Protein backbone atom coordinates (compact mmCIF):
# COMPACT_ATOMS: atom_id res chain seq x y z
CA UNK A 1 0.00 0.00 0.00
CA UNK A 2 2.94 2.33 0.65
CA UNK A 3 4.15 1.86 -2.90
CA UNK A 4 0.73 2.82 -4.28
CA UNK A 5 0.53 6.08 -2.27
CA UNK A 6 4.04 7.17 -3.31
CA UNK A 7 3.18 6.47 -6.99
CA UNK A 8 -0.06 8.43 -6.58
CA UNK A 9 1.84 11.30 -4.94
CA UNK A 10 4.41 11.27 -7.75
CA UNK A 11 1.64 11.32 -10.38
CA UNK A 12 -0.02 14.28 -8.66
CA UNK A 13 3.28 16.18 -8.60
CA UNK A 14 3.87 15.43 -12.29
CA UNK A 15 0.33 16.58 -13.12
CA UNK A 16 0.85 19.81 -11.16
CA UNK A 17 4.16 20.47 -12.96
CA UNK A 18 2.53 19.83 -16.37
CA UNK A 19 -0.37 22.14 -15.52
CA UNK A 20 2.00 24.88 -14.35
CA UNK A 21 4.16 24.47 -17.48
CA UNK A 22 1.14 24.69 -19.80
CA UNK A 23 -0.12 27.87 -18.10
CA UNK A 24 3.35 29.38 -18.28
CA UNK A 25 3.75 28.43 -21.96
CA UNK A 26 0.30 29.79 -22.79
CA UNK A 27 0.99 33.14 -21.18
CA UNK A 28 4.39 33.38 -22.86
CA UNK A 29 2.92 32.63 -26.29
CA UNK A 30 0.06 35.06 -25.76
CA UNK A 31 2.50 37.89 -25.06
CA UNK A 32 5.29 36.93 -27.47
CA UNK A 33 4.90 40.02 -29.70
CA UNK A 34 4.43 42.51 -26.90
CA UNK A 35 7.23 44.87 -25.97
CA UNK A 36 6.10 45.69 -22.48
CA UNK A 37 4.75 42.49 -20.96
CA UNK A 38 1.17 41.89 -19.98
CA UNK A 39 -1.23 43.37 -22.51
CA UNK A 40 0.48 46.73 -22.84
CA UNK A 41 -0.46 46.74 -26.52
CA UNK A 42 0.04 50.03 -28.36
CA UNK A 43 -0.28 52.09 -25.20
CA UNK A 44 1.96 54.82 -26.58
CA UNK A 45 -0.13 55.12 -29.77
CA UNK A 46 -3.44 55.21 -27.93
CA UNK A 47 -2.34 57.79 -25.37
CA UNK A 48 -0.66 60.37 -27.56
CA UNK A 49 -1.72 63.95 -27.13
CA UNK A 50 -4.55 65.81 -28.85
CA UNK A 51 -2.18 67.69 -31.15
CA UNK A 52 -0.59 64.52 -32.50
CA UNK A 53 -3.94 62.85 -33.26
CA UNK A 54 -5.29 65.94 -35.05
CA UNK A 55 -2.17 67.17 -36.89
CA UNK A 56 -0.30 64.02 -37.80
CA UNK A 57 0.68 63.99 -41.52
CA UNK A 58 -1.06 60.62 -42.02
CA UNK A 59 -4.39 61.87 -40.67
CA UNK A 60 -7.05 61.72 -43.36
CA UNK A 61 -9.20 64.75 -44.09
CA UNK A 62 -12.55 64.82 -42.36
CA UNK A 63 -15.49 64.53 -44.72
CA UNK A 64 -17.92 67.42 -44.37
CA UNK A 65 -21.69 66.97 -44.66
CA UNK A 66 -23.12 67.20 -48.17
CA UNK A 67 -25.96 69.27 -49.60
CA UNK A 68 -28.09 67.01 -51.77
CA UNK A 69 -30.68 68.32 -54.22
CA UNK A 70 -33.68 65.99 -53.93
CA UNK A 71 -34.45 64.58 -57.38
CA UNK A 72 -31.30 66.10 -58.88
CA UNK A 73 -32.16 68.14 -61.98
CA UNK A 74 -35.78 66.90 -61.77
CA UNK A 75 -36.28 68.75 -58.48
CA UNK A 76 -39.41 67.92 -56.39
CA UNK A 77 -42.13 67.22 -58.96
CA UNK A 78 -45.09 64.98 -59.76
CA UNK A 79 -44.54 61.57 -61.47
CA UNK A 80 -40.87 61.06 -60.69
CA UNK A 81 -39.74 58.04 -58.64
CA UNK A 82 -38.01 59.51 -55.60
CA UNK A 83 -37.69 56.05 -54.07
CA UNK A 84 -35.52 55.01 -57.03
CA UNK A 85 -33.65 58.32 -56.88
CA UNK A 86 -32.83 57.85 -53.18
CA UNK A 87 -31.67 54.29 -53.79
CA UNK A 88 -29.38 55.34 -56.67
CA UNK A 89 -27.98 58.45 -54.95
CA UNK A 90 -27.49 57.04 -51.46
CA UNK A 91 -26.13 56.42 -49.01
CA UNK A 92 -26.94 59.56 -47.08
CA UNK A 93 -25.04 60.47 -43.94
CA UNK A 94 -25.78 62.05 -40.59
CA UNK A 95 -25.81 65.87 -40.88
CA UNK A 96 -26.23 65.83 -44.67
CA UNK A 97 -28.72 68.44 -45.91
CA UNK A 98 -31.54 67.55 -48.30
CA UNK A 99 -32.64 70.47 -50.50
CA UNK A 100 -36.21 70.38 -51.83
CA UNK A 101 -36.72 72.70 -54.83
CA UNK A 102 -40.13 73.20 -56.42
CA UNK A 103 -42.08 75.98 -58.07
CA UNK A 104 -44.55 77.97 -55.99
CA UNK A 105 -48.17 78.00 -57.17
CA UNK A 106 -48.46 80.25 -60.24
CA UNK A 107 -52.26 80.45 -60.31
CA UNK A 108 -55.38 78.70 -59.04
CA UNK A 109 -55.03 75.93 -61.67
CA UNK A 110 -51.47 74.95 -60.68
CA UNK A 111 -50.73 71.94 -58.51
CA UNK A 112 -48.48 73.13 -55.69
CA UNK A 113 -46.12 70.88 -53.77
CA UNK A 114 -45.06 70.75 -50.14
CA UNK A 115 -42.98 68.44 -47.95
CA UNK A 116 -44.23 66.27 -45.11
CA UNK A 117 -42.26 64.17 -42.65
CA UNK A 118 -44.16 60.96 -41.97
CA UNK A 119 -43.88 59.31 -38.54
CA UNK A 120 -43.30 55.69 -39.53
CA UNK A 121 -42.98 53.08 -42.28
CA UNK A 122 -46.68 52.18 -42.27
CA UNK A 123 -47.68 55.81 -42.87
CA UNK A 124 -45.04 56.01 -45.61
CA UNK A 125 -46.23 52.88 -47.42
CA UNK A 126 -49.89 53.96 -47.25
CA UNK A 127 -49.23 57.70 -47.83
CA UNK A 128 -51.18 58.34 -44.64
CA UNK A 129 -50.64 61.99 -43.68
CA UNK A 130 -52.89 62.03 -40.60
CA UNK A 131 -49.95 62.00 -38.14
CA UNK A 132 -47.39 63.55 -40.50
CA UNK A 133 -45.76 66.92 -39.90
CA UNK A 134 -45.61 69.51 -42.67
CA UNK A 135 -42.02 70.74 -42.79
CA UNK A 136 -42.28 72.93 -45.92
CA UNK A 137 -45.29 74.72 -47.39
CA UNK A 138 -46.11 75.45 -51.06
CA UNK A 139 -43.79 78.47 -51.30
CA UNK A 140 -40.72 77.32 -49.33
CA UNK A 141 -39.32 75.27 -52.21
CA UNK A 142 -38.79 78.27 -54.49
CA UNK A 143 -35.48 80.07 -54.98
CA UNK A 144 -32.70 78.21 -53.17
CA UNK A 145 -35.21 75.62 -51.95
CA UNK A 146 -36.15 74.24 -48.56
CA UNK A 147 -33.30 72.65 -46.60
CA UNK A 148 -33.71 69.76 -44.18
CA UNK A 149 -30.76 68.48 -42.12
CA UNK A 150 -30.60 64.77 -41.30
CA UNK A 151 -29.51 65.50 -37.73
CA UNK A 152 -30.61 62.27 -36.03
CA UNK A 153 -29.66 58.67 -36.61
CA UNK A 154 -33.16 57.46 -37.50
CA UNK A 155 -35.21 56.70 -40.61
CA UNK A 156 -36.75 59.75 -42.29
CA UNK A 157 -39.90 59.34 -44.41
CA UNK A 158 -40.65 62.23 -46.79
CA UNK A 159 -43.72 62.80 -48.96
CA UNK A 160 -45.62 65.48 -50.80
CA UNK A 161 -48.92 65.96 -49.02
CA UNK A 162 -50.63 67.92 -51.80
CA UNK A 163 -54.17 66.89 -52.77
CA UNK A 164 -54.61 64.85 -49.58
CA UNK A 165 -51.76 62.48 -50.41
CA UNK A 166 -52.53 62.06 -54.13
CA UNK A 167 -49.05 63.34 -55.06
CA UNK A 168 -47.57 60.77 -52.67
CA UNK A 169 -49.62 57.74 -53.68
CA UNK A 170 -50.10 58.32 -57.43
CA UNK A 171 -47.38 60.86 -58.23
CA UNK A 172 -44.64 58.82 -56.48
CA UNK A 173 -43.51 61.88 -54.52
CA UNK A 174 -42.14 60.01 -51.54
CA UNK A 175 -38.87 58.50 -50.38
CA UNK A 176 -37.10 57.52 -47.19
CA UNK A 177 -33.52 57.65 -45.98
CA UNK A 178 -31.68 56.15 -43.05
CA UNK A 179 -28.56 58.27 -42.57
CA UNK A 180 -25.36 56.39 -41.89
CA UNK A 181 -22.71 57.50 -39.45
CA UNK A 182 -19.75 59.23 -41.09
CA UNK A 183 -17.32 56.64 -39.72
CA UNK A 184 -19.03 54.10 -42.00
CA UNK A 185 -18.30 56.12 -45.14
CA UNK A 186 -16.06 54.22 -47.51
């Protein structure tokens, strides 16, 4: 029985040595490319001063927000697919400005336009203006146009509310955008 306990004790010691060696080897391999020991990775680069981060010659130029003419040369008009336009001219980014240009009413027979911000996707799909907010009236699109800044990271649903939503539903005067964060710009 004495021989069995000394063999068992020897096996336990060997197991403890192997366990210690594997932990030591694992920690050495994990830190093999580090200059300063335990997880001191790139500390100097991460903790450089404000001036270095903002004036280093390799710093890329910051991209400023864009002004985007809604519809391009077509402006904001009846029977133009703004959904297709937004898809082809996106992505749009946070703090970009959308410019809506349209002619003011010339006479009582003209069909004036305006701009509504719809509250949700369901209202957008159905051209339901009951909870929408008018952000530009019939005259604000003249001259330089009406400007709307995409200042929140949220979906924006735009539509023309003229003729109780007829311009939205039949005239295809609606589109939506979900602005991306500038860091995602490629």
